[in-house]
Amino acid sequence: IPQAAVALLATAAVGAVWTSCAPDFG
């Protein structure tokens, strides 16, 4: 979803490290 891209780019903008899982993961 667009919120995922926004969250990734904001995380990268501050120099933090991003990691994600899809919500079908248990």
PDB file of all heavy atoms in Angstrom:
ATOM      1  N   ILE A   1       0.858  -1.184   0.000  1.00  0.00           N
ATOM      2  CA  ILE A   1       0.000   0.000   0.000  1.00  0.00           C
ATOM      3  C   ILE A   1       0.897   1.238   0.000  1.00  0.00           C
ATOM      4  O   ILE A   1       2.080   1.156   0.333  1.00  0.00           O
ATOM      5  CB  ILE A   1      -0.942   0.009   1.233  1.00  0.00           C
ATOM      6  CG1 ILE A   1      -0.126  -0.136   2.532  1.00  0.00           C
ATOM      7  CG2 ILE A   1      -1.987  -1.099   1.120  1.00  0.00           C
ATOM      8  CD1 ILE A   1      -0.965  -0.083   3.807  1.00  0.00           C
ATOM      9  N   PRO A   2       0.360   2.412  -0.363  1.00  0.00           N
ATOM     10  CA  PRO A   2       1.206   3.613  -0.370  1.00  0.00           C
ATOM     11  C   PRO A   2       1.843   3.906   0.980  1.00  0.00           C
ATOM     12  O   PRO A   2       2.979   4.407   1.039  1.00  0.00           O
ATOM     13  CB  PRO A   2       0.230   4.722  -0.786  1.00  0.00           C
ATOM     14  CG  PRO A   2      -0.810   4.018  -1.590  1.00  0.00           C
ATOM     15  CD  PRO A   2      -0.975   2.676  -0.945  1.00  0.00           C
ATOM     16  N   GLN A   3       1.148   3.601   2.073  1.00  0.00           N
ATOM     17  CA  GLN A   3       1.717   3.855   3.400  1.00  0.00           C
ATOM     18  C   GLN A   3       3.032   3.097   3.598  1.00  0.00           C
ATOM     19  O   GLN A   3       3.915   3.569   4.319  1.00  0.00           O
ATOM     20  CB  GLN A   3       0.719   3.458   4.491  1.00  0.00           C
ATOM     21  CG  GLN A   3      -0.540   4.313   4.535  1.00  0.00           C
ATOM     22  CD  GLN A   3      -1.672   3.715   3.733  1.00  0.00           C
ATOM     23  OE1 GLN A   3      -1.458   3.156   2.664  1.00  0.00           O
ATOM     24  NE2 GLN A   3      -2.891   3.828   4.261  1.00  0.00           N
ATOM     25  N   ALA A   4       3.159   1.927   2.973  1.00  0.00           N
ATOM     26  CA  ALA A   4       4.406   1.169   3.104  1.00  0.00           C
ATOM     27  C   ALA A   4       5.565   1.925   2.473  1.00  0.00           C
ATOM     28  O   ALA A   4       6.664   2.015   3.048  1.00  0.00           O
ATOM     29  CB  ALA A   4       4.249  -0.211   2.466  1.00  0.00           C
ATOM     30  N   ALA A   5       5.354   2.484   1.279  1.00  0.00           N
ATOM     31  CA  ALA A   5       6.408   3.247   0.620  1.00  0.00           C
ATOM     32  C   ALA A   5       6.753   4.504   1.409  1.00  0.00           C
ATOM     33  O   ALA A   5       7.930   4.867   1.561  1.00  0.00           O
ATOM     34  CB  ALA A   5       5.980   3.608  -0.801  1.00  0.00           C
ATOM     35  N   VAL A   6       5.738   5.181   1.933  1.00  0.00           N
ATOM     36  CA  VAL A   6       5.978   6.382   2.744  1.00  0.00           C
ATOM     37  C   VAL A   6       6.808   6.029   3.976  1.00  0.00           C
ATOM     38  O   VAL A   6       7.781   6.730   4.317  1.00  0.00           O
ATOM     39  CB  VAL A   6       4.640   7.032   3.155  1.00  0.00           C
ATOM     40  CG1 VAL A   6       4.865   8.145   4.180  1.00  0.00           C
ATOM     41  CG2 VAL A   6       3.917   7.590   1.931  1.00  0.00           C
ATOM     42  N   ALA A   7       6.445   4.927   4.634  1.00  0.00           N
ATOM     43  CA  ALA A   7       7.163   4.532   5.854  1.00  0.00           C
ATOM     44  C   ALA A   7       8.606   4.159   5.547  1.00  0.00           C
ATOM     45  O   ALA A   7       9.528   4.508   6.296  1.00  0.00           O
ATOM     46  CB  ALA A   7       6.432   3.378   6.532  1.00  0.00           C
ATOM     47  N   LEU A   8       8.827   3.432   4.444  1.00  0.00           N
ATOM     48  CA  LEU A   8      10.197   3.090   4.047  1.00  0.00           C
ATOM     49  C   LEU A   8      11.011   4.351   3.811  1.00  0.00           C
ATOM     50  O   LEU A   8      12.140   4.493   4.314  1.00  0.00           O
ATOM     51  CB  LEU A   8      10.182   2.238   2.781  1.00  0.00           C
ATOM     52  CG  LEU A   8      11.505   2.174   1.995  1.00  0.00           C
ATOM     53  CD1 LEU A   8      12.611   1.535   2.815  1.00  0.00           C
ATOM     54  CD2 LEU A   8      11.322   1.439   0.673  1.00  0.00           C
ATOM     55  N   LEU A   9      10.472   5.290   3.034  1.00  0.00           N
ATOM     56  CA  LEU A   9      11.247   6.477   2.676  1.00  0.00           C
ATOM     57  C   LEU A   9      11.497   7.367   3.882  1.00  0.00           C
ATOM     58  O   LEU A   9      12.577   7.974   4.003  1.00  0.00           O
ATOM     59  CB  LEU A   9      10.532   7.240   1.563  1.00  0.00           C
ATOM     60  CG  LEU A   9      10.419   6.477   0.232  1.00  0.00           C
ATOM     61  CD1 LEU A   9       9.584   7.255  -0.769  1.00  0.00           C
ATOM     62  CD2 LEU A   9      11.794   6.165  -0.335  1.00  0.00           C
ATOM     63  N   ALA A  10      10.544   7.456   4.802  1.00  0.00           N
ATOM     64  CA  ALA A  10      10.771   8.248   6.013  1.00  0.00           C
ATOM     65  C   ALA A  10      11.831   7.599   6.890  1.00  0.00           C
ATOM     66  O   ALA A  10      12.681   8.287   7.477  1.00  0.00           O
ATOM     67  CB  ALA A  10       9.459   8.399   6.789  1.00  0.00           C
ATOM     68  N   THR A  11      11.787   6.273   6.989  1.00  0.00           N
ATOM     69  CA  THR A  11      12.807   5.548   7.763  1.00  0.00           C
ATOM     70  C   THR A  11      14.186   5.794   7.175  1.00  0.00           C
ATOM     71  O   THR A  11      15.156   6.070   7.900  1.00  0.00           O
ATOM     72  CB  THR A  11      12.481   4.043   7.766  1.00  0.00           C
ATOM     73  OG1 THR A  11      11.203   3.831   8.387  1.00  0.00           O
ATOM     74  CG2 THR A  11      13.542   3.252   8.501  1.00  0.00           C
ATOM     75  N   ALA A  12      14.284   5.676   5.842  1.00  0.00           N
ATOM     76  CA  ALA A  12      15.573   5.906   5.187  1.00  0.00           C
ATOM     77  C   ALA A  12      16.021   7.351   5.331  1.00  0.00           C
ATOM     78  O   ALA A  12      17.218   7.630   5.480  1.00  0.00           O
ATOM     79  CB  ALA A  12      15.469   5.531   3.710  1.00  0.00           C
ATOM     80  N   ALA A  13      15.075   8.292   5.296  1.00  0.00           N
ATOM     81  CA  ALA A  13      15.430   9.709   5.396  1.00  0.00           C
ATOM     82  C   ALA A  13      16.138  10.021   6.706  1.00  0.00           C
ATOM     83  O   ALA A  13      17.026  10.875   6.748  1.00  0.00           O
ATOM     84  CB  ALA A  13      14.178  10.570   5.247  1.00  0.00           C
ATOM     85  N   VAL A  14      15.757   9.332   7.788  1.00  0.00           N
ATOM     86  CA  VAL A  14      16.404   9.602   9.083  1.00  0.00           C
ATOM     87  C   VAL A  14      17.624   8.715   9.302  1.00  0.00           C
ATOM     88  O   VAL A  14      18.284   8.831  10.332  1.00  0.00           O
ATOM     89  CB  VAL A  14      15.413   9.440  10.257  1.00  0.00           C
ATOM     90  CG1 VAL A  14      14.204  10.348  10.072  1.00  0.00           C
ATOM     91  CG2 VAL A  14      14.974   7.998  10.439  1.00  0.00           C
ATOM     92  N   GLY A  15      17.908   7.809   8.341  1.00  0.00           N
ATOM     93  CA  GLY A  15      19.073   6.939   8.475  1.00  0.00           C
ATOM     94  C   GLY A  15      18.818   5.699   9.303  1.00  0.00           C
ATOM     95  O   GLY A  15      19.766   4.966   9.635  1.00  0.00           O
ATOM     96  N   ALA A  16      17.557   5.432   9.652  1.00  0.00           N
ATOM     97  CA  ALA A  16      17.229   4.195  10.357  1.00  0.00           C
ATOM     98  C   ALA A  16      17.185   3.047   9.356  1.00  0.00           C
ATOM     99  O   ALA A  16      17.230   3.245   8.138  1.00  0.00           O
ATOM    100  CB  ALA A  16      15.902   4.339  11.092  1.00  0.00           C
ATOM    101  N   VAL A  17      17.094   1.816   9.871  1.00  0.00           N
ATOM    102  CA  VAL A  17      17.188   0.613   9.040  1.00  0.00           C
ATOM    103  C   VAL A  17      15.804  -0.012   8.925  1.00  0.00           C
ATOM    104  O   VAL A  17      15.189  -0.371   9.926  1.00  0.00           O
ATOM    105  CB  VAL A  17      18.186  -0.399   9.645  1.00  0.00           C
ATOM    106  CG1 VAL A  17      18.339  -1.609   8.721  1.00  0.00           C
ATOM    107  CG2 VAL A  17      19.537   0.264   9.899  1.00  0.00           C
ATOM    108  N   TRP A  18      15.327  -0.179   7.714  1.00  0.00           N
ATOM    109  CA  TRP A  18      13.977  -0.673   7.425  1.00  0.00           C
ATOM    110  C   TRP A  18      13.959  -2.200   7.327  1.00  0.00           C
ATOM    111  O   TRP A  18      14.896  -2.810   6.810  1.00  0.00           O
ATOM    112  CB  TRP A  18      13.514  -0.079   6.104  1.00  0.00           C
ATOM    113  CG  TRP A  18      12.259  -0.669   5.516  1.00  0.00           C
ATOM    114  CD1 TRP A  18      12.169  -1.674   4.598  1.00  0.00           C
ATOM    115  CD2 TRP A  18      10.914  -0.250   5.782  1.00  0.00           C
ATOM    116  NE1 TRP A  18      10.858  -1.910   4.277  1.00  0.00           N
ATOM    117  CE2 TRP A  18      10.068  -1.051   4.986  1.00  0.00           C
ATOM    118  CE3 TRP A  18      10.349   0.722   6.607  1.00  0.00           C
ATOM    119  CZ2 TRP A  18       8.672  -0.911   4.999  1.00  0.00           C
ATOM    120  CZ3 TRP A  18       8.969   0.859   6.621  1.00  0.00           C
ATOM    121  CH2 TRP A  18       8.149   0.055   5.835  1.00  0.00           C
ATOM    122  N   THR A  19      12.888  -2.811   7.777  1.00  0.00           N
ATOM    123  CA  THR A  19      12.648  -4.226   7.509  1.00  0.00           C
ATOM    124  C   THR A  19      11.145  -4.455   7.509  1.00  0.00           C
ATOM    125  O   THR A  19      10.419  -3.814   8.279  1.00  0.00           O
ATOM    126  CB  THR A  19      13.362  -5.124   8.529  1.00  0.00           C
ATOM    127  OG1 THR A  19      13.319  -6.478   8.072  1.00  0.00           O
ATOM    128  CG2 THR A  19      12.744  -5.031   9.919  1.00  0.00           C
ATOM    129  N   SER A  20      10.655  -5.336   6.628  1.00  0.00           N
ATOM    130  CA  SER A  20       9.206  -5.494   6.498  1.00  0.00           C
ATOM    131  C   SER A  20       8.816  -6.945   6.300  1.00  0.00           C
ATOM    132  O   SER A  20       9.591  -7.757   5.794  1.00  0.00           O
ATOM    133  CB  SER A  20       8.676  -4.651   5.329  1.00  0.00           C
ATOM    134  OG  SER A  20       9.235  -5.075   4.095  1.00  0.00           O
ATOM    135  N   CYS A  21       7.589  -7.239   6.701  1.00  0.00           N
ATOM    136  CA  CYS A  21       6.937  -8.515   6.440  1.00  0.00           C
ATOM    137  C   CYS A  21       5.514  -8.230   5.969  1.00  0.00           C
ATOM    138  O   CYS A  21       4.867  -7.294   6.446  1.00  0.00           O
ATOM    139  CB  CYS A  21       6.874  -9.389   7.695  1.00  0.00           C
ATOM    140  SG  CYS A  21       8.435 -10.150   8.180  1.00  0.00           S
ATOM    141  N   ALA A  22       5.026  -9.057   5.070  1.00  0.00           N
ATOM    142  CA  ALA A  22       3.640  -8.935   4.620  1.00  0.00           C
ATOM    143  C   ALA A  22       2.703  -9.446   5.705  1.00  0.00           C
ATOM    144  O   ALA A  22       3.059 -10.348   6.471  1.00  0.00           O
ATOM    145  CB  ALA A  22       3.444  -9.720   3.334  1.00  0.00           C
ATOM    146  N   PRO A  23       1.483  -8.917   5.794  1.00  0.00           N
ATOM    147  CA  PRO A  23       0.580  -9.313   6.882  1.00  0.00           C
ATOM    148  C   PRO A  23      -0.021 -10.703   6.730  1.00  0.00           C
ATOM    149  O   PRO A  23      -0.755 -11.145   7.614  1.00  0.00           O
ATOM    150  CB  PRO A  23      -0.508  -8.231   6.856  1.00  0.00           C
ATOM    151  CG  PRO A  23      -0.474  -7.691   5.482  1.00  0.00           C
ATOM    152  CD  PRO A  23       0.944  -7.787   5.018  1.00  0.00           C
ATOM    153  N   ASP A  24       0.276 -11.403   5.630  1.00  0.00           N
ATOM    154  CA  ASP A  24      -0.133 -12.803   5.588  1.00  0.00           C
ATOM    155  C   ASP A  24       0.864 -13.696   6.323  1.00  0.00           C
ATOM    156  O   ASP A  24       0.607 -14.882   6.526  1.00  0.00           O
ATOM    157  CB  ASP A  24      -0.335 -13.277   4.143  1.00  0.00           C
ATOM    158  CG  ASP A  24       0.889 -13.078   3.270  1.00  0.00           C
ATOM    159  OD1 ASP A  24       1.776 -12.300   3.646  1.00  0.00           O
ATOM    160  OD2 ASP A  24       0.948 -13.695   2.191  1.00  0.00           O
ATOM    161  N   PHE A  25       2.001 -13.139   6.745  1.00  0.00           N
ATOM    162  CA  PHE A  25       2.923 -13.871   7.608  1.00  0.00           C
ATOM    163  C   PHE A  25       2.287 -14.011   8.986  1.00  0.00           C
ATOM    164  O   PHE A  25       1.748 -13.053   9.542  1.00  0.00           O
ATOM    165  CB  PHE A  25       4.246 -13.115   7.774  1.00  0.00           C
ATOM    166  CG  PHE A  25       5.171 -13.173   6.586  1.00  0.00           C
ATOM    167  CD1 PHE A  25       4.698 -13.283   5.289  1.00  0.00           C
ATOM    168  CD2 PHE A  25       6.544 -13.085   6.770  1.00  0.00           C
ATOM    169  CE1 PHE A  25       5.558 -13.318   4.200  1.00  0.00           C
ATOM    170  CE2 PHE A  25       7.416 -13.119   5.699  1.00  0.00           C
ATOM    171  CZ  PHE A  25       6.927 -13.236   4.407  1.00  0.00           C
ATOM    172  N   GLY A  26       2.379 -15.197   9.556  1.00  0.00           N
ATOM    173  CA  GLY A  26       1.927 -15.389  10.926  1.00  0.00           C
ATOM    174  C   GLY A  26       2.910 -14.810  11.920  1.00  0.00           C
ATOM    175  O   GLY A  26       4.044 -14.442  11.582  1.00  0.00           O
TER     176      GLY A  26
END
